[in-house]
Structure formats: C-alpha cells, structure tokens
C-alpha atoms as a PDB file:
ATOM      1  CA  UNK A   1     -90.603  19.021   4.226  1.00  0.00           C
ATOM      2  CA  UNK A   2     -92.651  15.910   4.995  1.00  0.00           C
ATOM      3  CA  UNK A   3     -90.526  12.806   5.530  1.00  0.00           C
ATOM      4  CA  UNK A   4     -90.894  10.484   2.514  1.00  0.00           C
ATOM      5  CA  UNK A   5     -91.094   7.321   4.610  1.00  0.00           C
ATOM      6  CA  UNK A   6     -93.703   8.818   6.931  1.00  0.00           C
ATOM      7  CA  UNK A   7     -95.734   9.919   3.915  1.00  0.00           C
ATOM      8  CA  UNK A   8     -95.570   6.380   2.517  1.00  0.00           C
ATOM      9  CA  UNK A   9     -96.570   4.952   5.901  1.00  0.00           C
ATOM     10  CA  UNK A  10     -99.671   7.162   5.919  1.00  0.00           C
ATOM     11  CA  UNK A  11    -100.480   5.981   2.397  1.00  0.00           C
ATOM     12  CA  UNK A  12    -100.432   2.345   3.522  1.00  0.00           C
ATOM     13  CA  UNK A  13    -102.042   3.115   6.890  1.00  0.00           C
ATOM     14  CA  UNK A  14     -99.002   1.840   8.801  1.00  0.00           C
ATOM     15  CA  UNK A  15     -95.935   3.017  10.691  1.00  0.00           C
ATOM     16  CA  UNK A  16     -92.264   2.104  10.501  1.00  0.00           C
ATOM     17  CA  UNK A  17     -91.248  -1.166  12.221  1.00  0.00           C
ATOM     18  CA  UNK A  18     -89.270  -4.362  11.641  1.00  0.00           C
ATOM     19  CA  UNK A  19     -89.885  -7.100   9.102  1.00  0.00           C
ATOM     20  CA  UNK A  20     -90.939 -10.507  10.451  1.00  0.00           C
ATOM     21  CA  UNK A  21     -90.397 -13.975   9.083  1.00  0.00           C
ATOM     22  CA  UNK A  22     -93.320 -16.402   9.214  1.00  0.00           C
ATOM     23  CA  UNK A  23     -91.020 -19.022  10.738  1.00  0.00           C
ATOM     24  CA  UNK A  24     -90.644 -19.033  14.503  1.00  0.00           C
ATOM     25  CA  UNK A  25     -90.250 -21.280  17.530  1.00  0.00           C
ATOM     26  CA  UNK A  26     -90.297 -20.835  21.303  1.00  0.00           C
ATOM     27  CA  UNK A  27     -90.762 -23.032  24.345  1.00  0.00           C
ATOM     28  CA  UNK A  28     -91.164 -22.266  28.027  1.00  0.00           C
ATOM     29  CA  UNK A  29     -91.272 -24.477  31.112  1.00  0.00           C
ATOM     30  CA  UNK A  30     -93.079 -23.562  34.291  1.00  0.00           C
ATOM     31  CA  UNK A  31     -94.098 -25.003  37.630  1.00  0.00           C
ATOM     32  CA  UNK A  32     -96.465 -24.057  40.414  1.00  0.00           C
ATOM     33  CA  UNK A  33     -99.477 -25.133  42.443  1.00  0.00           C
ATOM     34  CA  UNK A  34     -98.118 -28.690  42.440  1.00  0.00           C
ATOM     35  CA  UNK A  35     -97.965 -28.895  38.633  1.00  0.00           C
ATOM     36  CA  UNK A  36     -95.391 -28.692  35.861  1.00  0.00           C
ATOM     37  CA  UNK A  37     -96.118 -27.402  32.377  1.00  0.00           C
ATOM     38  CA  UNK A  38     -94.437 -26.789  29.052  1.00  0.00           C
ATOM     39  CA  UNK A  39     -95.567 -24.297  26.443  1.00  0.00           C
ATOM     40  CA  UNK A  40     -94.476 -24.831  22.837  1.00  0.00           C
ATOM     41  CA  UNK A  41     -95.126 -22.308  20.089  1.00  0.00           C
ATOM     42  CA  UNK A  42     -94.070 -22.759  16.462  1.00  0.00           C
ATOM     43  CA  UNK A  43     -95.010 -21.334  13.060  1.00  0.00           C
ATOM     44  CA  UNK A  44     -94.307 -21.981   9.393  1.00  0.00           C
ATOM     45  CA  UNK A  45     -95.307 -20.289   6.151  1.00  0.00           C
ATOM     46  CA  UNK A  46     -98.988 -19.883   5.322  1.00  0.00           C
ATOM     47  CA  UNK A  47    -101.221 -17.829   3.055  1.00  0.00           C
ATOM     48  CA  UNK A  48    -103.051 -16.312   6.019  1.00  0.00           C
ATOM     49  CA  UNK A  49    -103.152 -16.769   9.792  1.00  0.00           C
ATOM     50  CA  UNK A  50    -104.040 -20.330  10.800  1.00  0.00           C
ATOM     51  CA  UNK A  51    -104.016 -20.890  14.584  1.00  0.00           C
ATOM     52  CA  UNK A  52    -103.925 -24.478  15.827  1.00  0.00           C
ATOM     53  CA  UNK A  53    -104.239 -24.845  19.602  1.00  0.00           C
ATOM     54  CA  UNK A  54    -103.538 -28.031  21.540  1.00  0.00           C
ATOM     55  CA  UNK A  55    -104.595 -27.254  25.077  1.00  0.00           C
ATOM     56  CA  UNK A  56    -105.790 -29.444  27.967  1.00  0.00           C
ATOM     57  CA  UNK A  57    -109.409 -29.122  29.158  1.00  0.00           C
ATOM     58  CA  UNK A  58    -108.254 -28.613  32.739  1.00  0.00           C
ATOM     59  CA  UNK A  59    -107.629 -26.235  34.573  1.00  0.00           C
ATOM     60  CA  UNK A  60    -110.482 -24.412  32.933  1.00  0.00           C
ATOM     61  CA  UNK A  61    -110.973 -22.498  29.711  1.00  0.00           C
ATOM     62  CA  UNK A  62    -107.776 -20.763  28.523  1.00  0.00           C
ATOM     63  CA  UNK A  63    -108.255 -21.008  24.760  1.00  0.00           C
ATOM     64  CA  UNK A  64    -109.863 -17.546  24.285  1.00  0.00           C
ATOM     65  CA  UNK A  65    -106.954 -15.805  26.026  1.00  0.00           C
ATOM     66  CA  UNK A  66    -104.364 -17.809  24.078  1.00  0.00           C
ATOM     67  CA  UNK A  67    -106.096 -17.260  20.751  1.00  0.00           C
ATOM     68  CA  UNK A  68    -106.470 -13.518  21.356  1.00  0.00           C
ATOM     69  CA  UNK A  69    -102.806 -13.130  22.353  1.00  0.00           C
ATOM     70  CA  UNK A  70    -101.526 -15.066  19.341  1.00  0.00           C
ATOM     71  CA  UNK A  71    -103.791 -13.153  16.957  1.00  0.00           C
ATOM     72  CA  UNK A  72    -102.076  -9.956  18.071  1.00  0.00           C
ATOM     73  CA  UNK A  73     -98.583 -11.450  17.870  1.00  0.00           C
ATOM     74  CA  UNK A  74     -98.827 -12.928  14.351  1.00  0.00           C
ATOM     75  CA  UNK A  75    -100.654 -11.774  11.249  1.00  0.00           C
ATOM     76  CA  UNK A  76     -99.661 -14.571   8.857  1.00  0.00           C
ATOM     77  CA  UNK A  77     -98.417 -18.151   9.097  1.00  0.00           C
ATOM     78  CA  UNK A  78     -99.524 -21.568  10.292  1.00  0.00           C
ATOM     79  CA  UNK A  79     -99.111 -21.171  14.051  1.00  0.00           C
ATOM     80  CA  UNK A  80     -99.308 -24.130  16.446  1.00  0.00           C
ATOM     81  CA  UNK A  81     -99.453 -23.638  20.210  1.00  0.00           C
ATOM     82  CA  UNK A  82     -99.362 -26.617  22.578  1.00  0.00           C
ATOM     83  CA  UNK A  83     -99.489 -26.898  26.366  1.00  0.00           C
ATOM     84  CA  UNK A  84     -98.413 -30.042  28.234  1.00  0.00           C
ATOM     85  CA  UNK A  85     -99.514 -30.230  31.872  1.00  0.00           C
ATOM     86  CA  UNK A  86     -98.378 -32.854  34.409  1.00  0.00           C
ATOM     87  CA  UNK A  87     -98.656 -33.272  38.154  1.00  0.00           C
ATOM     88  CA  UNK A  88     -95.356 -32.318  39.787  1.00  0.00           C
ATOM     89  CA  UNK A  89     -95.614 -35.059  42.411  1.00  0.00           C
ATOM     90  CA  UNK A  90     -97.455 -37.611  40.272  1.00  0.00           C
ATOM     91  CA  UNK A  91     -94.756 -40.197  40.952  1.00  0.00           C
ATOM     92  CA  UNK A  92     -95.504 -40.323  44.661  1.00  0.00           C
ATOM     93  CA  UNK A  93     -99.262 -39.763  44.719  1.00  0.00           C
ATOM     94  CA  UNK A  94    -101.754 -42.467  43.780  1.00  0.00           C
ATOM     95  CA  UNK A  95    -105.425 -43.020  44.523  1.00  0.00           C
ATOM     96  CA  UNK A  96    -107.244 -46.334  44.671  1.00  0.00           C
ATOM     97  CA  UNK A  97    -110.008 -46.557  42.103  1.00  0.00           C
ATOM     98  CA  UNK A  98    -112.524 -48.669  44.019  1.00  0.00           C
ATOM     99  CA  UNK A  99    -114.756 -49.304  41.017  1.00  0.00           C
ATOM    100  CA  UNK A 100    -111.823 -50.444  38.889  1.00  0.00           C
ATOM    101  CA  UNK A 101    -110.565 -52.669  41.710  1.00  0.00           C
ATOM    102  CA  UNK A 102    -113.964 -54.353  42.024  1.00  0.00           C
ATOM    103  CA  UNK A 103    -114.000 -55.028  38.302  1.00  0.00           C
ATOM    104  CA  UNK A 104    -110.448 -56.436  38.332  1.00  0.00           C
ATOM    105  CA  UNK A 105    -111.156 -58.732  41.329  1.00  0.00           C
ATOM    106  CA  UNK A 106    -114.339 -59.983  39.714  1.00  0.00           C
ATOM    107  CA  UNK A 107    -112.456 -60.713  36.514  1.00  0.00           C
ATOM    108  CA  UNK A 108    -109.688 -62.519  38.387  1.00  0.00           C
ATOM    109  CA  UNK A 109    -112.271 -64.656  40.221  1.00  0.00           C
ATOM    110  CA  UNK A 110    -113.909 -65.618  36.924  1.00  0.00           C
ATOM    111  CA  UNK A 111    -110.538 -66.524  35.424  1.00  0.00           C
ATOM    112  CA  UNK A 112    -109.713 -68.667  38.465  1.00  0.00           C
ATOM    113  CA  UNK A 113    -113.053 -70.516  38.313  1.00  0.00           C
ATOM    114  CA  UNK A 114    -112.675 -71.294  34.625  1.00  0.00           C
ATOM    115  CA  UNK A 115    -109.084 -72.409  35.174  1.00  0.00           C
ATOM    116  CA  UNK A 116    -110.234 -74.833  37.896  1.00  0.00           C
ATOM    117  CA  UNK A 117    -112.919 -76.206  35.578  1.00  0.00           C
ATOM    118  CA  UNK A 118    -110.195 -76.824  33.003  1.00  0.00           C
ATOM    119  CA  UNK A 119    -108.031 -78.562  35.581  1.00  0.00           C
ATOM    120  CA  UNK A 120    -105.507 -75.793  35.835  1.00  0.00           C
ATOM    121  CA  UNK A 121    -103.950 -74.405  39.000  1.00  0.00           C
ATOM    122  CA  UNK A 122    -103.081 -70.727  38.997  1.00  0.00           C
ATOM    123  CA  UNK A 123    -100.709 -68.790  41.202  1.00  0.00           C
ATOM    124  CA  UNK A 124    -102.662 -66.264  43.186  1.00  0.00           C
ATOM    125  CA  UNK A 125    -101.681 -62.660  42.394  1.00  0.00           C
ATOM    126  CA  UNK A 126    -100.294 -60.492  45.159  1.00  0.00           C
ATOM    127  CA  UNK A 127    -101.677 -57.107  46.128  1.00  0.00           C
ATOM    128  CA  UNK A 128     -98.705 -55.522  44.351  1.00  0.00           C
ATOM    129  CA  UNK A 129     -99.610 -57.446  41.199  1.00  0.00           C
ATOM    130  CA  UNK A 130    -103.171 -56.232  41.359  1.00  0.00           C
ATOM    131  CA  UNK A 131    -102.045 -52.668  42.027  1.00  0.00           C
ATOM    132  CA  UNK A 132    -100.178 -52.602  38.705  1.00  0.00           C
ATOM    133  CA  UNK A 133    -103.262 -53.571  36.714  1.00  0.00           C
ATOM    134  CA  UNK A 134    -104.671 -50.807  34.571  1.00  0.00           C
ATOM    135  CA  UNK A 135    -107.048 -48.453  36.338  1.00  0.00           C
ATOM    136  CA  UNK A 136    -106.613 -49.825  39.873  1.00  0.00           C
ATOM    137  CA  UNK A 137    -104.358 -46.966  40.950  1.00  0.00           C
ATOM    138  CA  UNK A 138    -104.637 -43.546  39.380  1.00  0.00           C
ATOM    139  CA  UNK A 139    -102.527 -40.458  39.840  1.00  0.00           C
ATOM    140  CA  UNK A 140    -104.207 -37.833  41.952  1.00  0.00           C
ATOM    141  CA  UNK A 141    -105.067 -35.206  39.377  1.00  0.00           C
ATOM    142  CA  UNK A 142    -105.983 -32.707  42.035  1.00  0.00           C
ATOM    143  CA  UNK A 143    -108.834 -31.485  39.880  1.00  0.00           C
ATOM    144  CA  UNK A 144    -111.017 -31.121  42.923  1.00  0.00           C
ATOM    145  CA  UNK A 145    -108.935 -28.064  43.912  1.00  0.00           C
ATOM    146  CA  UNK A 146    -109.686 -24.536  42.763  1.00  0.00           C
ATOM    147  CA  UNK A 147    -108.077 -24.309  39.280  1.00  0.00           C
ATOM    148  CA  UNK A 148    -107.930 -20.497  39.199  1.00  0.00           C
ATOM    149  CA  UNK A 149    -104.417 -20.097  40.739  1.00  0.00           C
ATOM    150  CA  UNK A 150    -102.962 -22.728  38.430  1.00  0.00           C
ATOM    151  CA  UNK A 151    -104.690 -21.227  35.412  1.00  0.00           C
ATOM    152  CA  UNK A 152    -103.298 -17.779  36.297  1.00  0.00           C
ATOM    153  CA  UNK A 153     -99.780 -19.193  36.707  1.00  0.00           C
ATOM    154  CA  UNK A 154     -99.932 -20.968  33.366  1.00  0.00           C
ATOM    155  CA  UNK A 155    -101.238 -17.901  31.532  1.00  0.00           C
ATOM    156  CA  UNK A 156     -98.560 -15.740  33.161  1.00  0.00           C
ATOM    157  CA  UNK A 157     -96.003 -17.684  31.120  1.00  0.00           C
ATOM    158  CA  UNK A 158     -97.778 -16.875  27.851  1.00  0.00           C
ATOM    159  CA  UNK A 159     -96.466 -13.282  27.335  1.00  0.00           C
ATOM    160  CA  UNK A 160     -92.754 -14.218  27.710  1.00  0.00           C
ATOM    161  CA  UNK A 161     -93.343 -17.223  25.441  1.00  0.00           C
ATOM    162  CA  UNK A 162     -94.845 -14.986  22.755  1.00  0.00           C
ATOM    163  CA  UNK A 163     -92.058 -12.447  23.251  1.00  0.00           C
ATOM    164  CA  UNK A 164     -89.396 -15.099  22.577  1.00  0.00           C
ATOM    165  CA  UNK A 165     -91.398 -16.341  19.593  1.00  0.00           C
ATOM    166  CA  UNK A 166     -91.709 -12.815  18.189  1.00  0.00           C
ATOM    167  CA  UNK A 167     -88.014 -12.118  18.729  1.00  0.00           C
ATOM    168  CA  UNK A 168     -87.091 -15.176  16.668  1.00  0.00           C
ATOM    169  CA  UNK A 169     -89.464 -14.164  13.861  1.00  0.00           C
ATOM    170  CA  UNK A 170     -88.035 -10.645  13.968  1.00  0.00           C
ATOM    171  CA  UNK A 171     -84.448 -11.936  13.909  1.00  0.00           C
ATOM    172  CA  UNK A 172     -85.112 -14.141  10.890  1.00  0.00           C
ATOM    173  CA  UNK A 173     -87.111 -11.339   9.305  1.00  0.00           C
ATOM    174  CA  UNK A 174     -84.167  -8.957   9.679  1.00  0.00           C
ATOM    175  CA  UNK A 175     -81.914 -11.460   7.909  1.00  0.00           C
ATOM    176  CA  UNK A 176     -84.449 -11.876   5.105  1.00  0.00           C
ATOM    177  CA  UNK A 177     -84.855  -8.128   4.802  1.00  0.00           C
ATOM    178  CA  UNK A 178     -81.097  -7.695   4.457  1.00  0.00           C
ATOM    179  CA  UNK A 179     -81.045 -10.234   1.613  1.00  0.00           C
ATOM    180  CA  UNK A 180     -84.035  -8.601  -0.055  1.00  0.00           C
ATOM    181  CA  UNK A 181     -82.537  -5.128   0.121  1.00  0.00           C
ATOM    182  CA  UNK A 182     -79.417  -6.464  -1.561  1.00  0.00           C
ATOM    183  CA  UNK A 183     -81.521  -8.023  -4.304  1.00  0.00           C
ATOM    184  CA  UNK A 184     -83.502  -4.812  -4.767  1.00  0.00           C
ATOM    185  CA  UNK A 185     -80.208  -2.933  -5.085  1.00  0.00           C
ATOM    186  CA  UNK A 186     -79.180  -5.453  -7.771  1.00  0.00           C
ATOM    187  CA  UNK A 187     -82.418  -4.837  -9.669  1.00  0.00           C
ATOM    188  CA  UNK A 188     -81.808  -1.094  -9.505  1.00  0.00           C
ATOM    189  CA  UNK A 189     -78.217  -1.486 -10.710  1.00  0.00           C
ATOM    190  CA  UNK A 190     -79.267  -3.703 -13.607  1.00  0.00           C
ATOM    191  CA  UNK A 191     -82.049  -1.291 -14.547  1.00  0.00           C
ATOM    192  CA  UNK A 192     -79.571   1.593 -14.618  1.00  0.00           C
ATOM    193  CA  UNK A 193     -77.205  -0.494 -16.752  1.00  0.00           C
ATOM    194  CA  UNK A 194     -80.052  -1.193 -19.169  1.00  0.00           C
ATOM    195  CA  UNK A 195     -80.883   2.497 -19.376  1.00  0.00           C
ATOM    196  CA  UNK A 196     -77.239   3.269 -20.128  1.00  0.00           C
ATOM    197  CA  UNK A 197     -77.434   0.922 -23.127  1.00  0.00           C
ATOM    198  CA  UNK A 198     -80.359   2.699 -24.742  1.00  0.00           C
ATOM    199  CA  UNK A 199     -78.281   5.148 -26.751  1.00  0.00           C
ATOM    200  CA  UNK A 200     -75.978   2.452 -28.114  1.00  0.00           C
ATOM    201  CA  UNK A 201     -78.941   0.171 -28.764  1.00  0.00           C
ATOM    202  CA  UNK A 202     -80.809   2.981 -30.518  1.00  0.00           C
ATOM    203  CA  UNK A 203     -77.889   3.701 -32.803  1.00  0.00           C
ATOM    204  CA  UNK A 204     -77.501   0.015 -33.614  1.00  0.00           C
ATOM    205  CA  UNK A 205     -81.216  -0.365 -34.329  1.00  0.00           C
ATOM    206  CA  UNK A 206     -81.240   2.772 -36.494  1.00  0.00           C
ATOM    207  CA  UNK A 207     -78.343   1.453 -38.543  1.00  0.00           C
ATOM    208  CA  UNK A 208     -80.081  -1.899 -38.848  1.00  0.00           C
ATOM    209  CA  UNK A 209     -83.236  -0.143 -40.074  1.00  0.00           C
ATOM    210  CA  UNK A 210     -81.233   1.894 -42.578  1.00  0.00           C
ATOM    211  CA  UNK A 211     -79.515  -1.223 -43.921  1.00  0.00           C
ATOM    212  CA  UNK A 212     -82.866  -2.963 -44.252  1.00  0.00           C
ATOM    213  CA  UNK A 213     -84.335   0.056 -46.007  1.00  0.00           C
ATOM    214  CA  UNK A 214     -81.405   0.234 -48.430  1.00  0.00           C
ATOM    215  CA  UNK A 215     -81.906  -3.406 -49.349  1.00  0.00           C
ATOM    216  CA  UNK A 216     -85.602  -2.877 -49.936  1.00  0.00           C
ATOM    217  CA  UNK A 217     -85.067   0.225 -52.066  1.00  0.00           C
ATOM    218  CA  UNK A 218     -82.371  -1.488 -54.131  1.00  0.00           C
ATOM    219  CA  UNK A 219     -84.831  -4.198 -55.139  1.00  0.00           C
ATOM    220  CA  UNK A 220     -87.957  -2.124 -55.506  1.00  0.00           C
ATOM    221  CA  UNK A 221     -88.920   0.585 -57.948  1.00  0.00           C
ATOM    222  CA  UNK A 222     -91.435   3.256 -57.208  1.00  0.00           C
ATOM    223  CA  UNK A 223     -91.856   2.417 -53.498  1.00  0.00           C
ATOM    224  CA  UNK A 224     -93.102   5.262 -51.309  1.00  0.00           C
ATOM    225  CA  UNK A 225     -90.082   6.173 -49.214  1.00  0.00           C
ATOM    226  CA  UNK A 226     -92.255   8.217 -46.831  1.00  0.00           C
ATOM    227  CA  UNK A 227     -94.394   5.160 -46.117  1.00  0.00           C
ATOM    228  CA  UNK A 228     -91.300   3.079 -45.464  1.00  0.00           C
ATOM    229  CA  UNK A 229     -89.952   5.711 -43.081  1.00  0.00           C
ATOM    230  CA  UNK A 230     -93.318   5.765 -41.320  1.00  0.00           C
ATOM    231  CA  UNK A 231     -93.280   1.999 -40.836  1.00  0.00           C
ATOM    232  CA  UNK A 232     -89.741   2.109 -39.515  1.00  0.00           C
ATOM    233  CA  UNK A 233     -90.798   4.823 -37.053  1.00  0.00           C
ATOM    234  CA  UNK A 234     -93.628   2.558 -35.824  1.00  0.00           C
ATOM    235  CA  UNK A 235     -91.133  -0.262 -35.303  1.00  0.00           C
ATOM    236  CA  UNK A 236     -88.904   2.084 -33.313  1.00  0.00           C
ATOM    237  CA  UNK A 237     -91.815   3.091 -31.054  1.00  0.00           C
ATOM    238  CA  UNK A 238     -92.730  -0.553 -30.459  1.00  0.00           C
ATOM    239  CA  UNK A 239     -89.139  -1.325 -29.529  1.00  0.00           C
ATOM    240  CA  UNK A 240     -88.914   1.531 -27.010  1.00  0.00           C
ATOM    241  CA  UNK A 241     -88.329   0.203 -23.459  1.00  0.00           C
ATOM    242  CA  UNK A 242     -88.188   3.516 -21.594  1.00  0.00           C
ATOM    243  CA  UNK A 243     -91.564   2.952 -19.916  1.00  0.00           C
ATOM    244  CA  UNK A 244     -90.547  -0.506 -18.710  1.00  0.00           C
ATOM    245  CA  UNK A 245     -87.357   0.874 -17.188  1.00  0.00           C
ATOM    246  CA  UNK A 246     -89.275   3.742 -15.560  1.00  0.00           C
ATOM    247  CA  UNK A 247     -91.729   1.275 -14.014  1.00  0.00           C
ATOM    248  CA  UNK A 248     -88.872  -0.893 -12.752  1.00  0.00           C
ATOM    249  CA  UNK A 249     -87.414   2.182 -11.016  1.00  0.00           C
ATOM    250  CA  UNK A 250     -90.820   2.876  -9.476  1.00  0.00           C
ATOM    251  CA  UNK A 251     -91.139  -0.732  -8.283  1.00  0.00           C
ATOM    252  CA  UNK A 252     -87.697  -0.522  -6.670  1.00  0.00           C
ATOM    253  CA  UNK A 253     -88.785   2.549  -4.708  1.00  0.00           C
ATOM    254  CA  UNK A 254     -92.085   0.890  -3.731  1.00  0.00           C
ATOM    255  CA  UNK A 255     -90.316  -2.270  -2.525  1.00  0.00           C
ATOM    256  CA  UNK A 256     -87.989  -0.270  -0.293  1.00  0.00           C
ATOM    257  CA  UNK A 257     -90.915   1.671   1.147  1.00  0.00           C
ATOM    258  CA  UNK A 258     -92.813  -1.528   1.880  1.00  0.00           C
ATOM    259  CA  UNK A 259     -89.823  -2.984   3.725  1.00  0.00           C
ATOM    260  CA  UNK A 260     -89.834   0.096   5.969  1.00  0.00           C
ATOM    261  CA  UNK A 261     -93.413  -0.515   7.086  1.00  0.00           C
ATOM    262  CA  UNK A 262     -94.710  -2.551   9.995  1.00  0.00           C
ATOM    263  CA  UNK A 263     -96.996  -5.553   9.955  1.00  0.00           C
ATOM    264  CA  UNK A 264     -97.630  -8.188   7.332  1.00  0.00           C
ATOM    265  CA  UNK A 265     -96.004  -7.086   4.086  1.00  0.00           C
ATOM    266  CA  UNK A 266     -95.285 -10.408   2.394  1.00  0.00           C
ATOM    267  CA  UNK A 267     -98.407 -10.392   0.227  1.00  0.00           C
ATOM    268  CA  UNK A 268     -97.821  -6.831  -0.957  1.00  0.00           C
ATOM    269  CA  UNK A 269     -94.227  -7.619  -1.823  1.00  0.00           C
ATOM    270  CA  UNK A 270     -95.279 -10.813  -3.589  1.00  0.00           C
ATOM    271  CA  UNK A 271     -97.677  -8.813  -5.748  1.00  0.00           C
ATOM    272  CA  UNK A 272     -94.930  -6.270  -6.433  1.00  0.00           C
ATOM    273  CA  UNK A 273     -92.648  -9.131  -7.509  1.00  0.00           C
ATOM    274  CA  UNK A 274     -95.222 -10.085 -10.128  1.00  0.00           C
ATOM    275  CA  UNK A 275     -95.060  -6.524 -11.445  1.00  0.00           C
ATOM    276  CA  UNK A 276     -91.247  -6.653 -11.464  1.00  0.00           C
ATOM    277  CA  UNK A 277     -91.380  -9.862 -13.452  1.00  0.00           C
ATOM    278  CA  UNK A 278     -93.893  -8.490 -15.938  1.00  0.00           C
ATOM    279  CA  UNK A 279     -91.613  -5.552 -16.786  1.00  0.00           C
ATOM    280  CA  UNK A 280     -88.574  -7.824 -17.059  1.00  0.00           C
ATOM    281  CA  UNK A 281     -90.434 -10.127 -19.450  1.00  0.00           C
ATOM    282  CA  UNK A 282     -91.469  -7.188 -21.619  1.00  0.00           C
ATOM    283  CA  UNK A 283     -87.932  -5.850 -21.595  1.00  0.00           C
ATOM    284  CA  UNK A 284     -86.611  -9.193 -22.850  1.00  0.00           C
ATOM    285  CA  UNK A 285     -89.268  -9.502 -25.554  1.00  0.00           C
ATOM    286  CA  UNK A 286     -88.591  -5.979 -26.864  1.00  0.00           C
ATOM    287  CA  UNK A 287     -84.824  -5.929 -26.379  1.00  0.00           C
ATOM    288  CA  UNK A 288     -83.676  -6.667 -29.941  1.00  0.00           C
ATOM    289  CA  UNK A 289     -80.121  -6.158 -28.725  1.00  0.00           C
ATOM    290  CA  UNK A 290     -77.936  -8.907 -27.200  1.00  0.00           C
ATOM    291  CA  UNK A 291     -76.568  -6.842 -24.293  1.00  0.00           C
ATOM    292  CA  UNK A 292     -80.047  -5.657 -23.312  1.00  0.00           C
ATOM    293  CA  UNK A 293     -81.423  -9.191 -23.538  1.00  0.00           C
ATOM    294  CA  UNK A 294     -78.673 -10.351 -21.190  1.00  0.00           C
ATOM    295  CA  UNK A 295     -79.578  -7.650 -18.676  1.00  0.00           C
ATOM    296  CA  UNK A 296     -83.236  -8.569 -18.950  1.00  0.00           C
ATOM    297  CA  UNK A 297     -82.409 -12.194 -18.130  1.00  0.00           C
ATOM    298  CA  UNK A 298     -80.290 -11.034 -15.182  1.00  0.00           C
ATOM    299  CA  UNK A 299     -83.290  -9.088 -13.950  1.00  0.00           C
ATOM    300  CA  UNK A 300     -85.555 -12.129 -14.197  1.00  0.00           C
ATOM    301  CA  UNK A 301     -83.042 -14.250 -12.253  1.00  0.00           C
ATOM    302  CA  UNK A 302     -82.761 -11.692  -9.446  1.00  0.00           C
ATOM    303  CA  UNK A 303     -86.541 -11.238  -9.278  1.00  0.00           C
ATOM    304  CA  UNK A 304     -87.021 -15.005  -8.968  1.00  0.00           C
ATOM    305  CA  UNK A 305     -84.585 -15.003  -6.042  1.00  0.00           C
ATOM    306  CA  UNK A 306     -86.488 -12.129  -4.450  1.00  0.00           C
ATOM    307  CA  UNK A 307     -89.746 -13.998  -4.700  1.00  0.00           C
ATOM    308  CA  UNK A 308     -88.271 -17.054  -2.978  1.00  0.00           C
ATOM    309  CA  UNK A 309     -87.289 -14.880  -0.004  1.00  0.00           C
ATOM    310  CA  UNK A 310     -90.595 -13.024   0.051  1.00  0.00           C
ATOM    311  CA  UNK A 311     -92.483 -16.320   0.444  1.00  0.00           C
ATOM    312  CA  UNK A 312     -91.011 -16.486   3.962  1.00  0.00           C
ATOM    313  CA  UNK A 313     -92.123 -13.007   5.027  1.00  0.00           C
ATOM    314  CA  UNK A 314     -95.131 -12.360   7.212  1.00  0.00           C
END
C-alpha cells in the first residue's frame, strides 16, 4: 500500500521535512589576512522573501554569492545580512595623507595670518596636534593587496553562519508546529463533539417543529398539512450541518499533511485557516441549538489561535 504521507507529498510536489519559523538570528566572527569581520544574519515575518544585504564594497564583489546562498536557505521572511570588516592591526598602522596635510598646514597658516592682523597671538600647534586633525593620518586599509584570499576567507564563514541561522528557524518552527498540532487536535475533538450532538439536536429541533406545527394548526382551519410538512422538511435541510462537519474533518487531515511537508507552508496553512473559519462560521449560523453554538464558538477561538501561530511560519 502506498504511504499516505508520501502520496500527499507527491500531490504537493514536496517531500517530508521540518517546519521552519520565519524568525531567526545568527552571528559569526572571523579573522584572517590581517582583518577581522563579523557576519550578522537575522529575519522576521514577511509575505514573501525580502533580502536586504549590507556588505562593504571591498574586498571585491561578494553580493551574488551571499544572495544566492540566502535564497536557498530561506523561502519567506524579511532577511537582513550584514558584514562588518575592520583591519586587525588598525590601531598600530597609520599612513600620512600628504594632500590632507598640505591642506591643513595651509589652513593653519591662513588662520595665523588673520589672527596677527587682528592683534592676536596664537600658540603654535605641535606635530602631535596636527597629526590628530581629521584626514592627516589614515589607517592603512591594505586595499592595494590582492583581495582574493580575504574574500575567500570571509565567504568561508557564510555556510556555518547560514547553518546556525537555519537551525534556529528550525528550532522555533518545531515549537510552533507542536503548538499547531495541539490546536488541530482540539479542532478535531470539537468537531467530533459537535457530530455527537447531532442526534440530540435533531430530536430537539423535530420536537420544536412539531410544537410550532401544532400551534399553527390549532389556529388555522383548512391549512394544507402536506404543505406545512414540506416547509418543515426544507427548514430541516437548511439546518443540516453534516457537510460543514465533514469539511472540517477534511481540513484537519489536510493541515496535518501540510505540516509533514518541507519548504514554505505558511501561506498554504493560512489559506486553510480561512477555510476552517468559514465552516465554523456556517456551523454557528445554522446551529439553532445552544450546545452546538457553544462548540462552534470554541472552534472559532481555536482557529483564531492557529492563525496567529501560522503567521510566524515560513
């Protein structure tokens, strides 16, 4: 016999795997080639996949590789990836910017001349004072070196970063899935309880119809009893909720099957929640019986809770 889950997976074009949350975070520090870097990867809920990359221009183009890797790792969510790159020995390495020094000295000379014209005497700045002025000394960026080794080292940290990110999304997704399965079980239990009420409800409605008919006949002469019976039969058909309960059972099975599948399933489950809610609304509107109305309201409450959790699923 063909496995039911495998058959469902073929129907959706997917295979069995874990459920992921759209929320995730990971960071990774690295060092090499005289540089230090920090990767940071985070994601929050989103309607689709929105990648936002904050990457330095140097050491060369890495955006295509990062974008391709993240597109494989996440299918939904607002994903932000940032890379901070600093020189490992920036504190001890400085280069004189000759052009900036010339500009600063020229400016200082002009200030001194104007101060003398105004009758002011200024204290001459020391070399150390001038060295602290903006632009005179710059950290040696080392950008004249071949960037390929550094670029390779930085990109080598990307897979473990994404792995940690994916593990967090999977861990949160597993927790969400556990909650959802419990809520789906509650929907199934409530649906079964509603089905168990149908006989009692039917008897109560039949008696109510008979009492109404007796009142009508007691006040009316010559009324066609067959026509009255026909109208009451129509009312009974309109009040029948068997189809709604059958569809709720089908939705429960579909929700469980979806949770067994890999990839982005949040949108499919969100749509299924709308179908759950539609049946619950119809059940409430047709109930005509206090106990069934109460169960219908319980269903709506549970379905609302399900939808809140589903909004976090990839």
